[in-house]
Amino acid sequence: MEEKFRAALSFLHRHREQIAIGAGVALISFVGSLALVAFVLVRLPEDYLVSEEERPFLPGRPAWMRVAARVGKNVLGVLLVAAGVMLSVPGVPGPGGLVILIGVMLLDVPGKRRLERRLLGMPKMHGFANRVRARFGRPPLRLQEGARGSSPGSSPGTR
């Protein structure tokens, strides 16, 4: 047993730089993803999950700018979904589900709003989102009547 312990200590000593780099990357990804999640959740309007229509993207800008920005937004969305999947792997720190949700919010795909409502309608996700919003003095996100996770008898404005 003592021999195994010495071997493990020797391994840690030989690879301390790689271990420190890995721990640093994990810490930076965890803090960065939490900051991104908080930024997006605080900026969402409280009726985001209730409103049906999409707001125009960069109204009043030239067409080339809107197209370039939309392509960039979708590329960023795909990267965030991929990062969220990686953060969802056991042993990797970070809010994977919420990073996936933010990535989906950036994508222009059919059924996006329904998926957003379903994910943010989960009691744990909705509770976390509203706690983050409350910390920054923002009103809670409202859910649609009958949304997943809403309690029977609650009105849509009370959640």
C-alpha atoms as a PDB file:
ATOM      1  CA  MET A   1       0.000   0.000   0.000  1.00  0.00           C
ATOM      2  CA  GLU A   2       2.811   2.366   0.904  1.00  0.00           C
ATOM      3  CA  GLU A   3       4.507   1.612  -2.411  1.00  0.00           C
ATOM      4  CA  LYS A   4       1.371   2.619  -4.348  1.00  0.00           C
ATOM      5  CA  PHE A   5       1.146   5.839  -2.364  1.00  0.00           C
ATOM      6  CA  ARG A   6       4.784   6.694  -3.142  1.00  0.00           C
ATOM      7  CA  ALA A   7       4.209   5.909  -6.830  1.00  0.00           C
ATOM      8  CA  ALA A   8       1.194   8.225  -6.896  1.00  0.00           C
ATOM      9  CA  LEU A   9       3.149  11.014  -5.207  1.00  0.00           C
ATOM     10  CA  SER A  10       5.999  10.510  -7.640  1.00  0.00           C
ATOM     11  CA  PHE A  11       3.578  10.742 -10.567  1.00  0.00           C
ATOM     12  CA  LEU A  12       2.039  13.942  -9.179  1.00  0.00           C
ATOM     13  CA  HIS A  13       5.489  15.437  -8.660  1.00  0.00           C
ATOM     14  CA  ARG A  14       6.660  14.570 -12.190  1.00  0.00           C
ATOM     15  CA  HIS A  15       3.495  15.951 -13.835  1.00  0.00           C
ATOM     16  CA  ARG A  16       2.723  18.920 -11.579  1.00  0.00           C
ATOM     17  CA  GLU A  17       2.885  21.445 -14.445  1.00  0.00           C
ATOM     18  CA  GLN A  18       0.365  19.545 -16.574  1.00  0.00           C
ATOM     19  CA  ILE A  19      -1.891  19.060 -13.561  1.00  0.00           C
ATOM     20  CA  ALA A  20      -1.708  22.777 -12.731  1.00  0.00           C
ATOM     21  CA  ILE A  21      -2.537  23.708 -16.337  1.00  0.00           C
ATOM     22  CA  GLY A  22      -5.487  21.307 -16.366  1.00  0.00           C
ATOM     23  CA  ALA A  23      -6.792  22.650 -13.060  1.00  0.00           C
ATOM     24  CA  GLY A  24      -6.394  26.218 -14.329  1.00  0.00           C
ATOM     25  CA  VAL A  25      -8.298  25.480 -17.548  1.00  0.00           C
ATOM     26  CA  ALA A  26     -11.064  23.773 -15.546  1.00  0.00           C
ATOM     27  CA  LEU A  27     -11.329  26.750 -13.191  1.00  0.00           C
ATOM     28  CA  ILE A  28     -11.361  29.280 -16.029  1.00  0.00           C
ATOM     29  CA  SER A  29     -14.005  27.313 -17.957  1.00  0.00           C
ATOM     30  CA  PHE A  30     -16.157  27.000 -14.842  1.00  0.00           C
ATOM     31  CA  VAL A  31     -15.975  30.699 -13.927  1.00  0.00           C
ATOM     32  CA  GLY A  32     -16.312  31.808 -17.554  1.00  0.00           C
ATOM     33  CA  SER A  33     -19.369  29.658 -18.194  1.00  0.00           C
ATOM     34  CA  LEU A  34     -21.016  30.875 -14.985  1.00  0.00           C
ATOM     35  CA  ALA A  35     -20.353  34.497 -15.980  1.00  0.00           C
ATOM     36  CA  LEU A  36     -21.784  33.900 -19.464  1.00  0.00           C
ATOM     37  CA  VAL A  37     -24.871  32.194 -18.069  1.00  0.00           C
ATOM     38  CA  ALA A  38     -25.461  35.011 -15.567  1.00  0.00           C
ATOM     39  CA  PHE A  39     -24.989  37.676 -18.264  1.00  0.00           C
ATOM     40  CA  VAL A  40     -27.522  36.083 -20.612  1.00  0.00           C
ATOM     41  CA  LEU A  41     -30.090  35.260 -17.922  1.00  0.00           C
ATOM     42  CA  VAL A  42     -29.997  38.802 -16.546  1.00  0.00           C
ATOM     43  CA  ARG A  43     -30.393  40.346 -20.022  1.00  0.00           C
ATOM     44  CA  LEU A  44     -33.448  38.251 -20.982  1.00  0.00           C
ATOM     45  CA  PRO A  45     -36.757  40.128 -20.808  1.00  0.00           C
ATOM     46  CA  GLU A  46     -39.106  38.674 -18.196  1.00  0.00           C
ATOM     47  CA  ASP A  47     -41.658  37.763 -20.904  1.00  0.00           C
ATOM     48  CA  TYR A  48     -39.080  35.997 -23.121  1.00  0.00           C
ATOM     49  CA  LEU A  49     -40.673  32.569 -22.637  1.00  0.00           C
ATOM     50  CA  VAL A  50     -44.228  33.891 -23.011  1.00  0.00           C
ATOM     51  CA  SER A  51     -43.856  36.030 -26.148  1.00  0.00           C
ATOM     52  CA  GLU A  52     -44.455  34.248 -29.429  1.00  0.00           C
ATOM     53  CA  GLU A  53     -42.793  36.550 -31.933  1.00  0.00           C
ATOM     54  CA  GLU A  54     -39.114  36.845 -32.585  1.00  0.00           C
ATOM     55  CA  ARG A  55     -37.734  40.339 -32.362  1.00  0.00           C
ATOM     56  CA  PRO A  56     -36.073  41.622 -35.546  1.00  0.00           C
ATOM     57  CA  PHE A  57     -32.325  41.048 -35.605  1.00  0.00           C
ATOM     58  CA  LEU A  58     -30.330  44.298 -35.960  1.00  0.00           C
ATOM     59  CA  PRO A  59     -33.161  46.368 -37.456  1.00  0.00           C
ATOM     60  CA  GLY A  60     -32.101  49.363 -39.536  1.00  0.00           C
ATOM     61  CA  ARG A  61     -28.663  47.924 -40.369  1.00  0.00           C
ATOM     62  CA  PRO A  62     -27.450  47.127 -43.900  1.00  0.00           C
ATOM     63  CA  ALA A  63     -28.349  43.681 -45.216  1.00  0.00           C
ATOM     64  CA  TRP A  64     -24.728  42.521 -45.410  1.00  0.00           C
ATOM     65  CA  MET A  65     -24.243  43.383 -41.723  1.00  0.00           C
ATOM     66  CA  ARG A  66     -27.402  41.521 -40.661  1.00  0.00           C
ATOM     67  CA  VAL A  67     -26.384  38.418 -42.655  1.00  0.00           C
ATOM     68  CA  ALA A  68     -22.810  38.441 -41.315  1.00  0.00           C
ATOM     69  CA  ALA A  69     -24.031  38.941 -37.748  1.00  0.00           C
ATOM     70  CA  ARG A  70     -26.612  36.171 -38.103  1.00  0.00           C
ATOM     71  CA  VAL A  71     -23.962  33.747 -39.424  1.00  0.00           C
ATOM     72  CA  GLY A  72     -21.639  34.703 -36.559  1.00  0.00           C
ATOM     73  CA  LYS A  73     -24.456  34.293 -34.045  1.00  0.00           C
ATOM     74  CA  ASN A  74     -25.233  30.785 -35.344  1.00  0.00           C
ATOM     75  CA  VAL A  75     -21.557  29.754 -35.312  1.00  0.00           C
ATOM     76  CA  LEU A  76     -21.279  30.978 -31.712  1.00  0.00           C
ATOM     77  CA  GLY A  77     -24.473  29.063 -30.872  1.00  0.00           C
ATOM     78  CA  VAL A  78     -23.058  25.809 -32.269  1.00  0.00           C
ATOM     79  CA  LEU A  79     -19.801  26.337 -30.336  1.00  0.00           C
ATOM     80  CA  LEU A  80     -21.724  26.972 -27.100  1.00  0.00           C
ATOM     81  CA  VAL A  81     -23.879  23.866 -27.589  1.00  0.00           C
ATOM     82  CA  ALA A  82     -20.695  21.817 -28.106  1.00  0.00           C
ATOM     83  CA  ALA A  83     -19.073  23.398 -25.028  1.00  0.00           C
ATOM     84  CA  GLY A  84     -22.230  22.721 -23.010  1.00  0.00           C
ATOM     85  CA  VAL A  85     -22.161  19.065 -24.018  1.00  0.00           C
ATOM     86  CA  MET A  86     -18.532  18.866 -22.878  1.00  0.00           C
ATOM     87  CA  LEU A  87     -19.428  20.588 -19.582  1.00  0.00           C
ATOM     88  CA  SER A  88     -22.202  18.029 -19.082  1.00  0.00           C
ATOM     89  CA  VAL A  89     -19.710  15.168 -18.989  1.00  0.00           C
ATOM     90  CA  PRO A  90     -19.208  13.921 -15.430  1.00  0.00           C
ATOM     91  CA  GLY A  91     -16.026  15.256 -13.875  1.00  0.00           C
ATOM     92  CA  VAL A  92     -15.941  18.458 -15.936  1.00  0.00           C
ATOM     93  CA  PRO A  93     -16.966  21.505 -13.896  1.00  0.00           C
ATOM     94  CA  GLY A  94     -19.533  23.946 -15.245  1.00  0.00           C
ATOM     95  CA  PRO A  95     -23.254  24.434 -15.865  1.00  0.00           C
ATOM     96  CA  GLY A  96     -23.508  22.318 -19.022  1.00  0.00           C
ATOM     97  CA  GLY A  97     -27.289  22.439 -19.359  1.00  0.00           C
ATOM     98  CA  LEU A  98     -27.421  26.201 -19.152  1.00  0.00           C
ATOM     99  CA  VAL A  99     -24.564  26.659 -21.636  1.00  0.00           C
ATOM    100  CA  ILE A 100     -26.440  24.364 -24.052  1.00  0.00           C
ATOM    101  CA  LEU A 101     -29.558  26.478 -23.503  1.00  0.00           C
ATOM    102  CA  ILE A 102     -27.684  29.696 -24.292  1.00  0.00           C
ATOM    103  CA  GLY A 103     -26.244  28.094 -27.425  1.00  0.00           C
ATOM    104  CA  VAL A 104     -29.725  27.044 -28.534  1.00  0.00           C
ATOM    105  CA  MET A 105     -30.989  30.584 -27.889  1.00  0.00           C
ATOM    106  CA  LEU A 106     -28.435  31.882 -30.385  1.00  0.00           C
ATOM    107  CA  LEU A 107     -29.319  29.372 -33.115  1.00  0.00           C
ATOM    108  CA  ASP A 108     -31.882  30.001 -35.846  1.00  0.00           C
ATOM    109  CA  VAL A 109     -33.574  26.609 -35.975  1.00  0.00           C
ATOM    110  CA  PRO A 110     -37.225  25.558 -36.157  1.00  0.00           C
ATOM    111  CA  GLY A 111     -38.709  24.635 -32.790  1.00  0.00           C
ATOM    112  CA  LYS A 112     -36.132  26.692 -30.886  1.00  0.00           C
ATOM    113  CA  ARG A 113     -38.653  28.571 -28.723  1.00  0.00           C
ATOM    114  CA  ARG A 114     -40.449  25.348 -27.776  1.00  0.00           C
ATOM    115  CA  LEU A 115     -37.131  23.771 -26.703  1.00  0.00           C
ATOM    116  CA  GLU A 116     -36.208  26.887 -24.703  1.00  0.00           C
ATOM    117  CA  ARG A 117     -39.569  26.780 -22.921  1.00  0.00           C
ATOM    118  CA  ARG A 118     -39.156  23.117 -22.171  1.00  0.00           C
ATOM    119  CA  LEU A 119     -35.623  23.492 -20.782  1.00  0.00           C
ATOM    120  CA  LEU A 120     -36.336  26.617 -18.745  1.00  0.00           C
ATOM    121  CA  GLY A 121     -39.654  25.137 -17.629  1.00  0.00           C
ATOM    122  CA  MET A 122     -37.824  22.428 -15.695  1.00  0.00           C
ATOM    123  CA  PRO A 123     -38.158  23.309 -12.009  1.00  0.00           C
ATOM    124  CA  LYS A 124     -34.408  23.242 -11.285  1.00  0.00           C
ATOM    125  CA  MET A 125     -33.458  25.294 -14.369  1.00  0.00           C
ATOM    126  CA  HIS A 126     -36.277  27.799 -13.834  1.00  0.00           C
ATOM    127  CA  GLY A 127     -35.427  28.149 -10.154  1.00  0.00           C
ATOM    128  CA  PHE A 128     -31.728  28.672 -10.897  1.00  0.00           C
ATOM    129  CA  ALA A 129     -32.499  31.236 -13.609  1.00  0.00           C
ATOM    130  CA  ASN A 130     -34.780  33.194 -11.283  1.00  0.00           C
ATOM    131  CA  ARG A 131     -32.271  33.107  -8.411  1.00  0.00           C
ATOM    132  CA  VAL A 132     -29.601  34.544 -10.728  1.00  0.00           C
ATOM    133  CA  ARG A 133     -32.029  37.203 -11.975  1.00  0.00           C
ATOM    134  CA  ALA A 134     -33.068  38.104  -8.410  1.00  0.00           C
ATOM    135  CA  ARG A 135     -29.425  38.545  -7.399  1.00  0.00           C
ATOM    136  CA  PHE A 136     -29.132  41.249 -10.067  1.00  0.00           C
ATOM    137  CA  GLY A 137     -32.486  42.869  -9.236  1.00  0.00           C
ATOM    138  CA  ARG A 138     -34.361  41.493 -12.262  1.00  0.00           C
ATOM    139  CA  PRO A 139     -37.933  40.129 -12.142  1.00  0.00           C
ATOM    140  CA  PRO A 140     -38.432  36.364 -12.517  1.00  0.00           C
ATOM    141  CA  LEU A 141     -38.972  34.800 -15.935  1.00  0.00           C
ATOM    142  CA  ARG A 142     -42.637  34.122 -16.572  1.00  0.00           C
ATOM    143  CA  LEU A 143     -43.715  30.741 -17.905  1.00  0.00           C
ATOM    144  CA  GLN A 144     -46.652  30.041 -20.195  1.00  0.00           C
ATOM    145  CA  GLU A 145     -49.805  28.636 -18.678  1.00  0.00           C
ATOM    146  CA  GLY A 146     -49.446  24.863 -18.421  1.00  0.00           C
ATOM    147  CA  ALA A 147     -45.698  24.937 -19.031  1.00  0.00           C
ATOM    148  CA  ARG A 148     -43.694  22.003 -17.728  1.00  0.00           C
ATOM    149  CA  GLY A 149     -42.752  22.582 -14.135  1.00  0.00           C
ATOM    150  CA  SER A 150     -45.557  25.026 -13.338  1.00  0.00           C
ATOM    151  CA  SER A 151     -47.690  24.131 -10.380  1.00  0.00           C
ATOM    152  CA  PRO A 152     -51.445  23.591 -10.763  1.00  0.00           C
ATOM    153  CA  GLY A 153     -53.479  26.669  -9.953  1.00  0.00           C
ATOM    154  CA  SER A 154     -50.599  29.132 -10.363  1.00  0.00           C
ATOM    155  CA  SER A 155     -51.121  32.031 -12.694  1.00  0.00           C
ATOM    156  CA  PRO A 156     -48.485  32.745 -15.346  1.00  0.00           C
ATOM    157  CA  GLY A 157     -47.470  36.033 -13.738  1.00  0.00           C
ATOM    158  CA  THR A 158     -46.733  34.537 -10.311  1.00  0.00           C
ATOM    159  CA  ARG A 159     -43.809  32.357 -11.265  1.00  0.00           C
END
